[in-house]
Amino acid sequence: MTCLPAWAHEGHGMPGFAHWHASDVLGFVAIVGVVAAVIWFKGGK
């Protein structure tokens, strides 16, 4: 998954510089995990 500009934010004294944090990846991983679990449990039969 890529870092989407819409999810990036400005701040930390850097106006005009949108960025994301490495810890934000945990959120992306959690979303992918939830989607995978839903597909796994609903798609089998």
N, C-alpha and C. Protein backbone atom coordinates (compact mmCIF):
# COMPACT_ATOMS: atom_id res chain seq x y z
N MET A 1 0.84 -1.18 0.00
CA MET A 1 0.00 0.00 0.00
C MET A 1 0.88 1.24 0.00
N THR A 2 0.42 2.22 -0.67
CA THR A 2 1.21 3.44 -0.73
C THR A 2 0.67 4.47 0.24
N CYS A 3 1.46 5.44 0.50
CA CYS A 3 1.04 6.57 1.33
C CYS A 3 0.19 7.48 0.46
N LEU A 4 -1.05 7.65 0.81
CA LEU A 4 -1.95 8.48 0.02
C LEU A 4 -1.85 9.93 0.46
N PRO A 5 -1.68 10.86 -0.47
CA PRO A 5 -1.56 12.27 -0.10
C PRO A 5 -2.74 12.78 0.72
N ALA A 6 -3.93 12.24 0.48
CA ALA A 6 -5.10 12.69 1.24
C ALA A 6 -4.97 12.33 2.71
N TRP A 7 -4.18 11.31 3.04
CA TRP A 7 -4.01 10.90 4.42
C TRP A 7 -2.80 11.57 5.06
N ALA A 8 -1.98 12.21 4.26
CA ALA A 8 -0.82 12.92 4.79
C ALA A 8 -1.29 14.20 5.46
N HIS A 9 -0.44 14.77 6.28
CA HIS A 9 -0.83 15.99 6.98
C HIS A 9 0.35 16.95 7.05
N GLU A 10 0.00 18.20 7.21
CA GLU A 10 1.02 19.22 7.42
C GLU A 10 1.20 19.40 8.92
N GLY A 11 2.30 19.95 9.29
CA GLY A 11 2.49 20.21 10.71
C GLY A 11 3.94 20.15 11.11
N HIS A 12 4.17 20.20 12.40
CA HIS A 12 5.50 20.17 12.99
C HIS A 12 6.36 21.33 12.49
N GLY A 13 5.74 22.48 12.26
CA GLY A 13 6.48 23.66 11.82
C GLY A 13 6.93 23.61 10.38
N MET A 14 6.31 22.76 9.57
CA MET A 14 6.69 22.62 8.17
C MET A 14 5.51 22.96 7.28
N PRO A 15 5.15 24.24 7.16
CA PRO A 15 3.99 24.59 6.33
C PRO A 15 4.24 24.25 4.87
N GLY A 16 3.20 23.73 4.22
CA GLY A 16 3.31 23.39 2.81
C GLY A 16 4.02 22.07 2.55
N PHE A 17 4.38 21.35 3.59
CA PHE A 17 5.09 20.08 3.43
C PHE A 17 4.24 18.97 4.05
N ALA A 18 3.46 18.29 3.22
CA ALA A 18 2.63 17.19 3.70
C ALA A 18 3.52 15.97 3.91
N HIS A 19 3.29 15.28 5.00
CA HIS A 19 4.11 14.12 5.31
C HIS A 19 3.29 13.10 6.08
N TRP A 20 3.86 11.93 6.25
CA TRP A 20 3.25 10.89 7.06
C TRP A 20 4.33 10.31 7.94
N HIS A 21 3.94 9.58 8.95
CA HIS A 21 4.89 8.98 9.89
C HIS A 21 5.00 7.48 9.64
N ALA A 22 6.15 6.92 9.93
CA ALA A 22 6.34 5.49 9.75
C ALA A 22 5.33 4.70 10.59
N SER A 23 4.96 5.23 11.74
CA SER A 23 3.99 4.53 12.59
C SER A 23 2.60 4.49 11.96
N ASP A 24 2.33 5.36 10.98
CA ASP A 24 1.04 5.32 10.28
C ASP A 24 0.86 4.02 9.52
N VAL A 25 1.95 3.35 9.20
CA VAL A 25 1.88 2.08 8.48
C VAL A 25 1.10 1.06 9.30
N LEU A 26 1.16 1.14 10.62
CA LEU A 26 0.42 0.21 11.46
C LEU A 26 -1.08 0.30 11.18
N GLY A 27 -1.56 1.49 10.93
CA GLY A 27 -2.97 1.65 10.57
C GLY A 27 -3.30 1.00 9.25
N PHE A 28 -2.41 1.16 8.27
CA PHE A 28 -2.62 0.53 6.97
C PHE A 28 -2.62 -0.99 7.11
N VAL A 29 -1.70 -1.51 7.90
CA VAL A 29 -1.62 -2.96 8.12
C VAL A 29 -2.88 -3.46 8.81
N ALA A 30 -3.38 -2.71 9.78
CA ALA A 30 -4.61 -3.10 10.48
C ALA A 30 -5.80 -3.14 9.53
N ILE A 31 -5.91 -2.15 8.66
CA ILE A 31 -7.02 -2.12 7.70
C ILE A 31 -6.94 -3.32 6.77
N VAL A 32 -5.76 -3.61 6.26
CA VAL A 32 -5.59 -4.76 5.37
C VAL A 32 -5.93 -6.05 6.12
N GLY A 33 -5.53 -6.15 7.38
CA GLY A 33 -5.83 -7.34 8.18
C GLY A 33 -7.32 -7.54 8.38
N VAL A 34 -8.04 -6.46 8.66
CA VAL A 34 -9.49 -6.55 8.84
C VAL A 34 -10.17 -6.97 7.54
N VAL A 35 -9.77 -6.36 6.44
CA VAL A 35 -10.36 -6.72 5.14
C VAL A 35 -10.06 -8.18 4.82
N ALA A 36 -8.84 -8.62 5.06
CA ALA A 36 -8.48 -10.02 4.79
C ALA A 36 -9.29 -10.97 5.66
N ALA A 37 -9.50 -10.62 6.92
CA ALA A 37 -10.29 -11.47 7.82
C ALA A 37 -11.74 -11.57 7.36
N VAL A 38 -12.31 -10.45 6.93
CA VAL A 38 -13.69 -10.46 6.44
C VAL A 38 -13.80 -11.34 5.20
N ILE A 39 -12.87 -11.20 4.29
CA ILE A 39 -12.90 -12.02 3.07
C ILE A 39 -12.72 -13.50 3.43
N TRP A 40 -11.82 -13.78 4.35
CA TRP A 40 -11.53 -15.16 4.75
C TRP A 40 -12.76 -15.83 5.36
N PHE A 41 -13.42 -15.13 6.29
CA PHE A 41 -14.54 -15.73 7.00
C PHE A 41 -15.84 -15.74 6.19
N LYS A 42 -16.03 -14.79 5.31
CA LYS A 42 -17.27 -14.72 4.54
C LYS A 42 -17.17 -15.40 3.18
N GLY A 43 -15.98 -15.48 2.63
CA GLY A 43 -15.84 -15.96 1.25
C GLY A 43 -15.68 -17.45 1.09
N GLY A 44 -15.50 -18.19 2.16
CA GLY A 44 -15.18 -19.61 2.05
C GLY A 44 -16.28 -20.48 1.48
N LYS A 45 -17.54 -20.24 1.84
CA LYS A 45 -18.61 -21.17 1.44
C LYS A 45 -19.73 -20.49 0.71
